[in-house]
């Protein structure tokens, strides 16, 4: 799988980065063809020009559907993503706290597959 190559100047940032953000980056970089970008001013990864995960308030936020969405939203502390804070959550996007770090990469992979297949 291809990995994003970061400029050498960013390598120092990885040393001071929080473990939550490091895990988010690992999850996104593991996806072939994923591009680092921005969504609502927050870091995200995109495939085919569409975001599939983002990083917000030390949580990973994944665009999910079906069983993956149902499993993710059922986890303790998981909520629908409301980037505006105005009680208008994005129904397909689930914000997962670091308490579920062991599941971040699998949900990121599910989000990647969902978005890739729907935009392919």
PDB file of N, CA and C in Angstrom:
ATOM      1  N   UNK A   1       0.834  -1.178   0.000  1.00  0.00           N
ATOM      2  CA  UNK A   1       0.000   0.000   0.000  1.00  0.00           C
ATOM      3  C   UNK A   1       0.879   1.242   0.000  1.00  0.00           C
ATOM      4  N   UNK A   2       0.448   2.260  -0.721  1.00  0.00           N
ATOM      5  CA  UNK A   2       1.213   3.497  -0.731  1.00  0.00           C
ATOM      6  C   UNK A   2       0.943   4.276   0.550  1.00  0.00           C
ATOM      7  N   UNK A   3       1.967   4.950   1.009  1.00  0.00           N
ATOM      8  CA  UNK A   3       1.838   5.751   2.216  1.00  0.00           C
ATOM      9  C   UNK A   3       2.129   7.193   1.867  1.00  0.00           C
ATOM     10  N   UNK A   4       1.494   8.088   2.579  1.00  0.00           N
ATOM     11  CA  UNK A   4       1.755   9.499   2.403  1.00  0.00           C
ATOM     12  C   UNK A   4       3.176   9.783   2.863  1.00  0.00           C
ATOM     13  N   UNK A   5       3.915  10.500   2.095  1.00  0.00           N
ATOM     14  CA  UNK A   5       5.268  10.897   2.475  1.00  0.00           C
ATOM     15  C   UNK A   5       5.211  12.341   2.959  1.00  0.00           C
ATOM     16  N   UNK A   6       5.568  12.526   4.207  1.00  0.00           N
ATOM     17  CA  UNK A   6       5.531  13.861   4.796  1.00  0.00           C
ATOM     18  C   UNK A   6       6.879  14.531   4.601  1.00  0.00           C
ATOM     19  N   UNK A   7       6.884  15.852   4.403  1.00  0.00           N
ATOM     20  CA  UNK A   7       8.152  16.571   4.321  1.00  0.00           C
ATOM     21  C   UNK A   7       8.949  16.374   5.612  1.00  0.00           C
ATOM     22  N   UNK A   8      10.267  16.410   5.500  1.00  0.00           N
ATOM     23  CA  UNK A   8      11.136  16.202   6.666  1.00  0.00           C
ATOM     24  C   UNK A   8      10.815  17.173   7.792  1.00  0.00           C
ATOM     25  N   UNK A   9      10.391  18.392   7.451  1.00  0.00           N
ATOM     26  CA  UNK A   9      10.074  19.380   8.481  1.00  0.00           C
ATOM     27  C   UNK A   9       8.910  18.948   9.363  1.00  0.00           C
ATOM     28  N   UNK A  10       8.041  18.096   8.833  1.00  0.00           N
ATOM     29  CA  UNK A  10       6.903  17.635   9.626  1.00  0.00           C
ATOM     30  C   UNK A  10       7.273  16.484  10.552  1.00  0.00           C
ATOM     31  N   UNK A  11       8.409  15.853  10.315  1.00  0.00           N
ATOM     32  CA  UNK A  11       8.800  14.741  11.179  1.00  0.00           C
ATOM     33  C   UNK A  11       8.918  15.174  12.633  1.00  0.00           C
ATOM     34  N   UNK A  12       9.374  16.408  12.880  1.00  0.00           N
ATOM     35  CA  UNK A  12       9.461  16.916  14.244  1.00  0.00           C
ATOM     36  C   UNK A  12       8.085  17.036  14.875  1.00  0.00           C
ATOM     37  N   UNK A  13       7.088  17.369  14.073  1.00  0.00           N
ATOM     38  CA  UNK A  13       5.733  17.476  14.606  1.00  0.00           C
ATOM     39  C   UNK A  13       5.240  16.129  15.128  1.00  0.00           C
ATOM     40  N   UNK A  14       5.605  15.065  14.457  1.00  0.00           N
ATOM     41  CA  UNK A  14       5.174  13.736  14.894  1.00  0.00           C
ATOM     42  C   UNK A  14       5.709  13.407  16.284  1.00  0.00           C
ATOM     43  N   UNK A  15       6.862  13.955  16.629  1.00  0.00           N
ATOM     44  CA  UNK A  15       7.448  13.693  17.935  1.00  0.00           C
ATOM     45  C   UNK A  15       6.663  14.356  19.057  1.00  0.00           C
ATOM     46  N   UNK A  16       6.014  15.475  18.757  1.00  0.00           N
ATOM     47  CA  UNK A  16       5.275  16.206  19.786  1.00  0.00           C
ATOM     48  C   UNK A  16       3.765  15.993  19.692  1.00  0.00           C
ATOM     49  N   UNK A  17       3.345  15.244  18.712  1.00  0.00           N
ATOM     50  CA  UNK A  17       1.927  15.019  18.484  1.00  0.00           C
ATOM     51  C   UNK A  17       1.313  14.144  19.579  1.00  0.00           C
ATOM     52  N   UNK A  18       0.081  14.379  19.867  1.00  0.00           N
ATOM     53  CA  UNK A  18      -0.643  13.563  20.834  1.00  0.00           C
ATOM     54  C   UNK A  18      -0.862  12.161  20.266  1.00  0.00           C
ATOM     55  N   UNK A  19      -0.944  11.181  21.152  1.00  0.00           N
ATOM     56  CA  UNK A  19      -1.137   9.788  20.716  1.00  0.00           C
ATOM     57  C   UNK A  19      -2.429   9.619  19.934  1.00  0.00           C
ATOM     58  N   UNK A  20      -3.454  10.411  20.250  1.00  0.00           N
ATOM     59  CA  UNK A  20      -4.716  10.325  19.516  1.00  0.00           C
ATOM     60  C   UNK A  20      -4.516  10.708  18.058  1.00  0.00           C
ATOM     61  N   UNK A  21      -3.813  11.818  17.834  1.00  0.00           N
ATOM     62  CA  UNK A  21      -3.587  12.272  16.466  1.00  0.00           C
ATOM     63  C   UNK A  21      -2.656  11.326  15.713  1.00  0.00           C
ATOM     64  N   UNK A  22      -1.676  10.766  16.397  1.00  0.00           N
ATOM     65  CA  UNK A  22      -0.786   9.805  15.756  1.00  0.00           C
ATOM     66  C   UNK A  22      -1.562   8.584  15.260  1.00  0.00           C
ATOM     67  N   UNK A  23      -2.471   8.082  16.088  1.00  0.00           N
ATOM     68  CA  UNK A  23      -3.259   6.919  15.691  1.00  0.00           C
ATOM     69  C   UNK A  23      -4.181   7.262  14.524  1.00  0.00           C
ATOM     70  N   UNK A  24      -4.788   8.446  14.556  1.00  0.00           N
ATOM     71  CA  UNK A  24      -5.624   8.906  13.442  1.00  0.00           C
ATOM     72  C   UNK A  24      -4.809   8.909  12.141  1.00  0.00           C
ATOM     73  N   UNK A  25      -3.594   9.481  12.197  1.00  0.00           N
ATOM     74  CA  UNK A  25      -2.751   9.545  11.000  1.00  0.00           C
ATOM     75  C   UNK A  25      -2.372   8.152  10.510  1.00  0.00           C
ATOM     76  N   UNK A  26      -2.049   7.260  11.423  1.00  0.00           N
ATOM     77  CA  UNK A  26      -1.726   5.888  11.038  1.00  0.00           C
ATOM     78  C   UNK A  26      -2.914   5.232  10.329  1.00  0.00           C
ATOM     79  N   UNK A  27      -4.106   5.463  10.841  1.00  0.00           N
ATOM     80  CA  UNK A  27      -5.308   4.875  10.240  1.00  0.00           C
ATOM     81  C   UNK A  27      -5.510   5.384   8.818  1.00  0.00           C
ATOM     82  N   UNK A  28      -5.373   6.681   8.613  1.00  0.00           N
ATOM     83  CA  UNK A  28      -5.563   7.249   7.283  1.00  0.00           C
ATOM     84  C   UNK A  28      -4.472   6.880   6.309  1.00  0.00           C
ATOM     85  N   UNK A  29      -3.230   6.879   6.785  1.00  0.00           N
ATOM     86  CA  UNK A  29      -2.104   6.564   5.907  1.00  0.00           C
ATOM     87  C   UNK A  29      -2.104   5.107   5.451  1.00  0.00           C
ATOM     88  N   UNK A  30      -2.785   4.254   6.173  1.00  0.00           N
ATOM     89  CA  UNK A  30      -2.830   2.836   5.813  1.00  0.00           C
ATOM     90  C   UNK A  30      -3.728   2.559   4.607  1.00  0.00           C
ATOM     91  N   UNK A  31      -4.507   3.547   4.186  1.00  0.00           N
ATOM     92  CA  UNK A  31      -5.460   3.350   3.094  1.00  0.00           C
ATOM     93  C   UNK A  31      -4.839   3.759   1.753  1.00  0.00           C
ATOM     94  N   UNK A  32      -4.789   2.838   0.822  1.00  0.00           N
ATOM     95  CA  UNK A  32      -4.189   3.092  -0.494  1.00  0.00           C
ATOM     96  C   UNK A  32      -4.902   4.231  -1.212  1.00  0.00           C
ATOM     97  N   UNK A  33      -4.140   5.205  -1.651  1.00  0.00           N
ATOM     98  CA  UNK A  33      -4.703   6.315  -2.408  1.00  0.00           C
ATOM     99  C   UNK A  33      -5.332   7.406  -1.576  1.00  0.00           C
ATOM    100  N   UNK A  34      -5.338   7.266  -0.259  1.00  0.00           N
ATOM    101  CA  UNK A  34      -5.935   8.291   0.600  1.00  0.00           C
ATOM    102  C   UNK A  34      -5.060   9.545   0.592  1.00  0.00           C
ATOM    103  N   UNK A  35      -5.720  10.683   0.608  1.00  0.00           N
ATOM    104  CA  UNK A  35      -5.017  11.970   0.598  1.00  0.00           C
ATOM    105  C   UNK A  35      -5.353  12.755   1.849  1.00  0.00           C
ATOM    106  N   UNK A  36      -4.318  13.333   2.456  1.00  0.00           N
ATOM    107  CA  UNK A  36      -4.524  14.184   3.625  1.00  0.00           C
ATOM    108  C   UNK A  36      -5.085  15.509   3.153  1.00  0.00           C
ATOM    109  N   UNK A  37      -6.120  15.997   3.836  1.00  0.00           N
ATOM    110  CA  UNK A  37      -6.786  17.230   3.420  1.00  0.00           C
ATOM    111  C   UNK A  37      -7.406  17.917   4.636  1.00  0.00           C
ATOM    112  N   UNK A  38      -8.389  18.771   4.389  1.00  0.00           N
ATOM    113  CA  UNK A  38      -9.115  19.492   5.436  1.00  0.00           C
ATOM    114  C   UNK A  38     -10.614  19.380   5.182  1.00  0.00           C
ATOM    115  N   UNK A  39     -11.370  19.315   6.271  1.00  0.00           N
ATOM    116  CA  UNK A  39     -12.827  19.333   6.216  1.00  0.00           C
ATOM    117  C   UNK A  39     -13.297  20.173   7.400  1.00  0.00           C
ATOM    118  N   UNK A  40     -14.035  21.233   7.147  1.00  0.00           N
ATOM    119  CA  UNK A  40     -14.481  22.148   8.195  1.00  0.00           C
ATOM    120  C   UNK A  40     -13.299  22.664   9.004  1.00  0.00           C
ATOM    121  N   UNK A  41     -12.156  22.844   8.348  1.00  0.00           N
ATOM    122  CA  UNK A  41     -10.969  23.346   9.022  1.00  0.00           C
ATOM    123  C   UNK A  41     -10.265  22.325   9.884  1.00  0.00           C
ATOM    124  N   UNK A  42     -10.682  21.081   9.813  1.00  0.00           N
ATOM    125  CA  UNK A  42     -10.089  19.998  10.594  1.00  0.00           C
ATOM    126  C   UNK A  42      -9.366  19.030   9.664  1.00  0.00           C
ATOM    127  N   UNK A  43      -8.315  18.378  10.163  1.00  0.00           N
ATOM    128  CA  UNK A  43      -7.615  17.419   9.308  1.00  0.00           C
ATOM    129  C   UNK A  43      -8.516  16.248   8.931  1.00  0.00           C
ATOM    130  N   UNK A  44      -8.383  15.814   7.691  1.00  0.00           N
ATOM    131  CA  UNK A  44      -9.158  14.658   7.233  1.00  0.00           C
ATOM    132  C   UNK A  44      -8.353  13.887   6.209  1.00  0.00           C
ATOM    133  N   UNK A  45      -8.846  12.718   5.876  1.00  0.00           N
ATOM    134  CA  UNK A  45      -8.326  11.939   4.761  1.00  0.00           C
ATOM    135  C   UNK A  45      -9.458  11.766   3.769  1.00  0.00           C
ATOM    136  N   UNK A  46      -9.098  11.872   2.479  1.00  0.00           N
ATOM    137  CA  UNK A  46     -10.080  11.733   1.407  1.00  0.00           C
ATOM    138  C   UNK A  46      -9.663  10.634   0.450  1.00  0.00           C
ATOM    139  N   UNK A  47     -10.667  10.039  -0.179  1.00  0.00           N
ATOM    140  CA  UNK A  47     -10.466   9.114  -1.294  1.00  0.00           C
ATOM    141  C   UNK A  47     -11.406   9.571  -2.403  1.00  0.00           C
ATOM    142  N   UNK A  48     -10.916   9.630  -3.607  1.00  0.00           N
ATOM    143  CA  UNK A  48     -11.710  10.117  -4.749  1.00  0.00           C
ATOM    144  C   UNK A  48     -12.300  11.500  -4.474  1.00  0.00           C
ATOM    145  N   UNK A  49     -11.564  12.325  -3.732  1.00  0.00           N
ATOM    146  CA  UNK A  49     -11.999  13.693  -3.455  1.00  0.00           C
ATOM    147  C   UNK A  49     -13.030  13.843  -2.354  1.00  0.00           C
ATOM    148  N   UNK A  50     -13.400  12.748  -1.695  1.00  0.00           N
ATOM    149  CA  UNK A  50     -14.425  12.780  -0.637  1.00  0.00           C
ATOM    150  C   UNK A  50     -13.830  12.309   0.689  1.00  0.00           C
ATOM    151  N   UNK A  51     -14.158  13.018   1.750  1.00  0.00           N
ATOM    152  CA  UNK A  51     -13.649  12.666   3.075  1.00  0.00           C
ATOM    153  C   UNK A  51     -14.260  11.365   3.572  1.00  0.00           C
ATOM    154  N   UNK A  52     -13.439  10.561   4.241  1.00  0.00           N
ATOM    155  CA  UNK A  52     -13.956   9.342   4.868  1.00  0.00           C
ATOM    156  C   UNK A  52     -13.650   9.306   6.361  1.00  0.00           C
ATOM    157  N   UNK A  53     -12.603   9.998   6.801  1.00  0.00           N
ATOM    158  CA  UNK A  53     -12.343  10.158   8.239  1.00  0.00           C
ATOM    159  C   UNK A  53     -11.826  11.568   8.482  1.00  0.00           C
ATOM    160  N   UNK A  54     -12.035  12.059   9.704  1.00  0.00           N
ATOM    161  CA  UNK A  54     -11.423  13.313  10.113  1.00  0.00           C
ATOM    162  C   UNK A  54     -11.044  13.215  11.583  1.00  0.00           C
ATOM    163  N   UNK A  55     -10.303  14.216  12.047  1.00  0.00           N
ATOM    164  CA  UNK A  55      -9.835  14.252  13.426  1.00  0.00           C
ATOM    165  C   UNK A  55     -10.418  15.486  14.086  1.00  0.00           C
ATOM    166  N   UNK A  56     -11.130  15.282  15.192  1.00  0.00           N
ATOM    167  CA  UNK A  56     -11.843  16.379  15.850  1.00  0.00           C
ATOM    168  C   UNK A  56     -11.886  16.121  17.353  1.00  0.00           C
ATOM    169  N   UNK A  57     -11.433  17.079  18.130  1.00  0.00           N
ATOM    170  CA  UNK A  57     -11.455  16.981  19.600  1.00  0.00           C
ATOM    171  C   UNK A  57     -10.833  15.675  20.111  1.00  0.00           C
ATOM    172  N   UNK A  58      -9.687  15.327  19.546  1.00  0.00           N
ATOM    173  CA  UNK A  58      -8.960  14.106  19.922  1.00  0.00           C
ATOM    174  C   UNK A  58      -9.752  12.823  19.681  1.00  0.00           C
ATOM    175  N   UNK A  59     -10.695  12.888  18.763  1.00  0.00           N
ATOM    176  CA  UNK A  59     -11.494  11.727  18.369  1.00  0.00           C
ATOM    177  C   UNK A  59     -11.320  11.499  16.875  1.00  0.00           C
ATOM    178  N   UNK A  60     -11.492  10.257  16.452  1.00  0.00           N
ATOM    179  CA  UNK A  60     -11.593   9.984  15.024  1.00  0.00           C
ATOM    180  C   UNK A  60     -13.075  10.066  14.677  1.00  0.00           C
ATOM    181  N   UNK A  61     -13.358  10.611  13.518  1.00  0.00           N
ATOM    182  CA  UNK A  61     -14.735  10.719  13.039  1.00  0.00           C
ATOM    183  C   UNK A  61     -14.784   9.971  11.708  1.00  0.00           C
ATOM    184  N   UNK A  62     -15.689   9.004  11.611  1.00  0.00           N
ATOM    185  CA  UNK A  62     -15.752   8.126  10.442  1.00  0.00           C
ATOM    186  C   UNK A  62     -17.117   8.220   9.761  1.00  0.00           C
ATOM    187  N   UNK A  63     -17.088   8.259   8.438  1.00  0.00           N
ATOM    188  CA  UNK A  63     -18.324   8.208   7.662  1.00  0.00           C
ATOM    189  C   UNK A  63     -18.683   6.740   7.462  1.00  0.00           C
ATOM    190  N   UNK A  64     -19.794   6.323   8.061  1.00  0.00           N
ATOM    191  CA  UNK A  64     -20.159   4.913   8.072  1.00  0.00           C
ATOM    192  C   UNK A  64     -21.610   4.707   7.668  1.00  0.00           C
ATOM    193  N   UNK A  65     -21.918   3.480   7.279  1.00  0.00           N
ATOM    194  CA  UNK A  65     -23.307   3.100   6.993  1.00  0.00           C
ATOM    195  C   UNK A  65     -23.556   1.690   7.495  1.00  0.00           C
ATOM    196  N   UNK A  66     -24.776   1.263   7.450  1.00  0.00           N
ATOM    197  CA  UNK A  66     -25.146  -0.112   7.778  1.00  0.00           C
ATOM    198  C   UNK A  66     -24.685  -0.587   9.143  1.00  0.00           C
ATOM    199  N   UNK A  67     -24.229  -1.835   9.178  1.00  0.00           N
ATOM    200  CA  UNK A  67     -23.807  -2.461  10.432  1.00  0.00           C
ATOM    201  C   UNK A  67     -22.632  -1.745  11.083  1.00  0.00           C
ATOM    202  N   UNK A  68     -21.711  -1.242  10.258  1.00  0.00           N
ATOM    203  CA  UNK A  68     -20.573  -0.521  10.830  1.00  0.00           C
ATOM    204  C   UNK A  68     -21.046   0.722  11.592  1.00  0.00           C
ATOM    205  N   UNK A  69     -21.996   1.435  11.013  1.00  0.00           N
ATOM    206  CA  UNK A  69     -22.538   2.626  11.680  1.00  0.00           C
ATOM    207  C   UNK A  69     -23.229   2.218  12.981  1.00  0.00           C
ATOM    208  N   UNK A  70     -24.026   1.172  12.907  1.00  0.00           N
ATOM    209  CA  UNK A  70     -24.768   0.703  14.085  1.00  0.00           C
ATOM    210  C   UNK A  70     -23.806   0.299  15.208  1.00  0.00           C
ATOM    211  N   UNK A  71     -22.750  -0.425  14.862  1.00  0.00           N
ATOM    212  CA  UNK A  71     -21.764  -0.852  15.869  1.00  0.00           C
ATOM    213  C   UNK A  71     -21.023   0.345  16.461  1.00  0.00           C
ATOM    214  N   UNK A  72     -20.620   1.268  15.601  1.00  0.00           N
ATOM    215  CA  UNK A  72     -19.857   2.433  16.076  1.00  0.00           C
ATOM    216  C   UNK A  72     -20.685   3.307  17.011  1.00  0.00           C
ATOM    217  N   UNK A  73     -21.896   3.634  16.625  1.00  0.00           N
ATOM    218  CA  UNK A  73     -22.721   4.542  17.433  1.00  0.00           C
ATOM    219  C   UNK A  73     -23.158   3.890  18.741  1.00  0.00           C
ATOM    220  N   UNK A  74     -23.104   2.563  18.815  1.00  0.00           N
ATOM    221  CA  UNK A  74     -23.489   1.877  20.049  1.00  0.00           C
ATOM    222  C   UNK A  74     -22.382   1.874  21.102  1.00  0.00           C
ATOM    223  N   UNK A  75     -21.172   2.267  20.712  1.00  0.00           N
ATOM    224  CA  UNK A  75     -20.059   2.278  21.658  1.00  0.00           C
ATOM    225  C   UNK A  75     -20.214   3.423  22.657  1.00  0.00           C
ATOM    226  N   UNK A  76     -19.824   3.168  23.887  1.00  0.00           N
ATOM    227  CA  UNK A  76     -19.938   4.180  24.937  1.00  0.00           C
ATOM    228  C   UNK A  76     -19.126   5.422  24.570  1.00  0.00           C
ATOM    229  N   UNK A  77     -19.774   6.559  24.622  1.00  0.00           N
ATOM    230  CA  UNK A  77     -19.123   7.827  24.324  1.00  0.00           C
ATOM    231  C   UNK A  77     -19.165   8.232  22.864  1.00  0.00           C
ATOM    232  N   UNK A  78     -19.578   7.318  21.979  1.00  0.00           N
ATOM    233  CA  UNK A  78     -19.679   7.646  20.552  1.00  0.00           C
ATOM    234  C   UNK A  78     -20.910   8.519  20.320  1.00  0.00           C
ATOM    235  N   UNK A  79     -20.751   9.507  19.445  1.00  0.00           N
ATOM    236  CA  UNK A  79     -21.861  10.415  19.121  1.00  0.00           C
ATOM    237  C   UNK A  79     -21.856  10.704  17.626  1.00  0.00           C
ATOM    238  N   UNK A  80     -22.980  11.185  17.140  1.00  0.00           N
ATOM    239  CA  UNK A  80     -23.018  11.672  15.764  1.00  0.00           C
ATOM    240  C   UNK A  80     -22.231  12.980  15.710  1.00  0.00           C
ATOM    241  N   UNK A  81     -21.464  13.155  14.667  1.00  0.00           N
ATOM    242  CA  UNK A  81     -20.589  14.309  14.486  1.00  0.00           C
ATOM    243  C   UNK A  81     -21.402  15.563  14.229  1.00  0.00           C
ATOM    244  N   UNK A  82     -21.185  16.581  15.048  1.00  0.00           N
ATOM    245  CA  UNK A  82     -21.884  17.866  14.933  1.00  0.00           C
ATOM    246  C   UNK A  82     -20.832  18.970  14.897  1.00  0.00           C
ATOM    247  N   UNK A  83     -20.185  19.166  13.734  1.00  0.00           N
ATOM    248  CA  UNK A  83     -19.080  20.121  13.674  1.00  0.00           C
ATOM    249  C   UNK A  83     -19.493  21.564  13.955  1.00  0.00           C
ATOM    250  N   UNK A  84     -20.746  21.915  13.732  1.00  0.00           N
ATOM    251  CA  UNK A  84     -21.190  23.288  13.976  1.00  0.00           C
ATOM    252  C   UNK A  84     -21.525  23.523  15.445  1.00  0.00           C
ATOM    253  N   UNK A  85     -21.797  22.450  16.177  1.00  0.00           N
ATOM    254  CA  UNK A  85     -22.188  22.586  17.575  1.00  0.00           C
ATOM    255  C   UNK A  85     -23.589  23.158  17.745  1.00  0.00           C
ATOM    256  N   UNK A  86     -24.368  23.116  16.668  1.00  0.00           N
ATOM    257  CA  UNK A  86     -25.718  23.699  16.689  1.00  0.00           C
ATOM    258  C   UNK A  86     -26.807  22.633  16.640  1.00  0.00           C
ATOM    259  N   UNK A  87     -26.500  21.461  17.164  1.00  0.00           N
ATOM    260  CA  UNK A  87     -27.454  20.347  17.213  1.00  0.00           C
ATOM    261  C   UNK A  87     -27.976  19.964  15.832  1.00  0.00           C
ATOM    262  N   UNK A  88     -27.045  19.958  14.863  1.00  0.00           N
ATOM    263  CA  UNK A  88     -27.339  19.515  13.503  1.00  0.00           C
ATOM    264  C   UNK A  88     -26.298  18.468  13.099  1.00  0.00           C
ATOM    265  N   UNK A  89     -26.370  17.296  13.729  1.00  0.00           N
ATOM    266  CA  UNK A  89     -25.345  16.279  13.452  1.00  0.00           C
ATOM    267  C   UNK A  89     -25.428  15.733  12.031  1.00  0.00           C
ATOM    268  N   UNK A  90     -24.289  15.283  11.576  1.00  0.00           N
ATOM    269  CA  UNK A  90     -24.186  14.652  10.266  1.00  0.00           C
ATOM    270  C   UNK A  90     -24.482  13.170  10.476  1.00  0.00           C
ATOM    271  N   UNK A  91     -25.574  12.702   9.935  1.00  0.00           N
ATOM    272  CA  UNK A  91     -26.115  11.380  10.275  1.00  0.00           C
ATOM    273  C   UNK A  91     -25.211  10.199   9.969  1.00  0.00           C
ATOM    274  N   UNK A  92     -24.379  10.300   8.958  1.00  0.00           N
ATOM    275  CA  UNK A  92     -23.513   9.167   8.622  1.00  0.00           C
ATOM    276  C   UNK A  92     -22.169   9.203   9.353  1.00  0.00           C
ATOM    277  N   UNK A  93     -21.862  10.303  10.005  1.00  0.00           N
ATOM    278  CA  UNK A  93     -20.558  10.498  10.620  1.00  0.00           C
ATOM    279  C   UNK A  93     -20.617  10.222  12.118  1.00  0.00           C
ATOM    280  N   UNK A  94     -19.769   9.288  12.574  1.00  0.00           N
ATOM    281  CA  UNK A  94     -19.731   8.903  13.988  1.00  0.00           C
ATOM    282  C   UNK A  94     -18.388   9.330  14.584  1.00  0.00           C
ATOM    283  N   UNK A  95     -18.464  10.061  15.686  1.00  0.00           N
ATOM    284  CA  UNK A  95     -17.285  10.518  16.410  1.00  0.00           C
ATOM    285  C   UNK A  95     -16.964   9.513  17.512  1.00  0.00           C
ATOM    286  N   UNK A  96     -15.763   8.926  17.437  1.00  0.00           N
ATOM    287  CA  UNK A  96     -15.364   7.865  18.364  1.00  0.00           C
ATOM    288  C   UNK A  96     -14.239   8.342  19.276  1.00  0.00           C
ATOM    289  N   UNK A  97     -14.453   8.276  20.582  1.00  0.00           N
ATOM    290  CA  UNK A  97     -13.412   8.713  21.514  1.00  0.00           C
ATOM    291  C   UNK A  97     -12.228   7.737  21.536  1.00  0.00           C
ATOM    292  N   UNK A  98     -11.107   8.223  22.080  1.00  0.00           N
ATOM    293  CA  UNK A  98      -9.876   7.442  22.149  1.00  0.00           C
ATOM    294  C   UNK A  98     -10.036   6.200  23.024  1.00  0.00           C
ATOM    295  N   UNK A  99     -11.030   6.183  23.875  1.00  0.00           N
ATOM    296  CA  UNK A  99     -11.295   4.994  24.699  1.00  0.00           C
ATOM    297  C   UNK A  99     -11.496   3.760  23.823  1.00  0.00           C
ATOM    298  N   UNK A 100     -11.872   3.966  22.564  1.00  0.00           N
ATOM    299  CA  UNK A 100     -12.097   2.862  21.621  1.00  0.00           C
ATOM    300  C   UNK A 100     -10.985   2.791  20.572  1.00  0.00           C
ATOM    301  N   UNK A 101      -9.789   3.178  20.979  1.00  0.00           N
ATOM    302  CA  UNK A 101      -8.645   3.224  20.053  1.00  0.00           C
ATOM    303  C   UNK A 101      -8.383   1.896  19.350  1.00  0.00           C
ATOM    304  N   UNK A 102      -8.691   0.803  19.995  1.00  0.00           N
ATOM    305  CA  UNK A 102      -8.448  -0.503  19.368  1.00  0.00           C
ATOM    306  C   UNK A 102      -9.358  -0.735  18.159  1.00  0.00           C
ATOM    307  N   UNK A 103     -10.405   0.051  18.037  1.00  0.00           N
ATOM    308  CA  UNK A 103     -11.358  -0.098  16.931  1.00  0.00           C
ATOM    309  C   UNK A 103     -11.196   0.988  15.855  1.00  0.00           C
ATOM    310  N   UNK A 104     -10.366   1.998  16.128  1.00  0.00           N
ATOM    311  CA  UNK A 104     -10.232   3.114  15.193  1.00  0.00           C
ATOM    312  C   UNK A 104      -9.845   2.667  13.789  1.00  0.00           C
ATOM    313  N   UNK A 105      -8.843   1.828  13.675  1.00  0.00           N
ATOM    314  CA  UNK A 105      -8.359   1.447  12.343  1.00  0.00           C
ATOM    315  C   UNK A 105      -9.395   0.626  11.579  1.00  0.00           C
ATOM    316  N   UNK A 106     -10.134  -0.235  12.272  1.00  0.00           N
ATOM    317  CA  UNK A 106     -11.137  -1.036  11.565  1.00  0.00           C
ATOM    318  C   UNK A 106     -12.308  -0.162  11.110  1.00  0.00           C
ATOM    319  N   UNK A 107     -12.700   0.813  11.928  1.00  0.00           N
ATOM    320  CA  UNK A 107     -13.763   1.718  11.489  1.00  0.00           C
ATOM    321  C   UNK A 107     -13.271   2.646  10.375  1.00  0.00           C
ATOM    322  N   UNK A 108     -12.023   3.054  10.444  1.00  0.00           N
ATOM    323  CA  UNK A 108     -11.455   3.871   9.363  1.00  0.00           C
ATOM    324  C   UNK A 108     -11.450   3.085   8.054  1.00  0.00           C
ATOM    325  N   UNK A 109     -11.107   1.809   8.125  1.00  0.00           N
ATOM    326  CA  UNK A 109     -11.115   0.961   6.925  1.00  0.00           C
ATOM    327  C   UNK A 109     -12.531   0.812   6.376  1.00  0.00           C
ATOM    328  N   UNK A 110     -13.504   0.656   7.259  1.00  0.00           N
ATOM    329  CA  UNK A 110     -14.901   0.551   6.818  1.00  0.00           C
ATOM    330  C   UNK A 110     -15.352   1.856   6.164  1.00  0.00           C
ATOM    331  N   UNK A 111     -14.953   2.986   6.730  1.00  0.00           N
ATOM    332  CA  UNK A 111     -15.305   4.291   6.160  1.00  0.00           C
ATOM    333  C   UNK A 111     -14.663   4.463   4.787  1.00  0.00           C
ATOM    334  N   UNK A 112     -13.412   4.080   4.675  1.00  0.00           N
ATOM    335  CA  UNK A 112     -12.686   4.151   3.407  1.00  0.00           C
ATOM    336  C   UNK A 112     -13.407   3.337   2.330  1.00  0.00           C
ATOM    337  N   UNK A 113     -13.757   2.110   2.663  1.00  0.00           N
ATOM    338  CA  UNK A 113     -14.446   1.233   1.705  1.00  0.00           C
ATOM    339  C   UNK A 113     -15.789   1.825   1.302  1.00  0.00           C
ATOM    340  N   UNK A 114     -16.542   2.312   2.271  1.00  0.00           N
ATOM    341  CA  UNK A 114     -17.863   2.892   2.000  1.00  0.00           C
ATOM    342  C   UNK A 114     -17.751   4.077   1.042  1.00  0.00           C
ATOM    343  N   UNK A 115     -16.848   4.998   1.341  1.00  0.00           N
ATOM    344  CA  UNK A 115     -16.725   6.197   0.508  1.00  0.00           C
ATOM    345  C   UNK A 115     -16.119   5.855  -0.849  1.00  0.00           C
ATOM    346  N   UNK A 116     -15.128   4.996  -0.868  1.00  0.00           N
ATOM    347  CA  UNK A 116     -14.507   4.617  -2.129  1.00  0.00           C
ATOM    348  C   UNK A 116     -15.515   3.962  -3.072  1.00  0.00           C
ATOM    349  N   UNK A 117     -16.322   3.049  -2.529  1.00  0.00           N
ATOM    350  CA  UNK A 117     -17.307   2.366  -3.356  1.00  0.00           C
ATOM    351  C   UNK A 117     -18.433   3.296  -3.805  1.00  0.00           C
ATOM    352  N   UNK A 118     -18.770   4.272  -2.989  1.00  0.00           N
ATOM    353  CA  UNK A 118     -19.880   5.176  -3.351  1.00  0.00           C
ATOM    354  C   UNK A 118     -19.427   6.303  -4.284  1.00  0.00           C
ATOM    355  N   UNK A 119     -18.105   6.493  -4.426  1.00  0.00           N
ATOM    356  CA  UNK A 119     -17.614   7.563  -5.299  1.00  0.00           C
ATOM    357  C   UNK A 119     -16.840   7.037  -6.488  1.00  0.00           C
ATOM    358  N   UNK A 120     -16.527   5.729  -6.471  1.00  0.00           N
ATOM    359  CA  UNK A 120     -15.658   5.095  -7.469  1.00  0.00           C
ATOM    360  C   UNK A 120     -16.100   5.249  -8.845  1.00  0.00           C
TER     361      UNK A 120
END
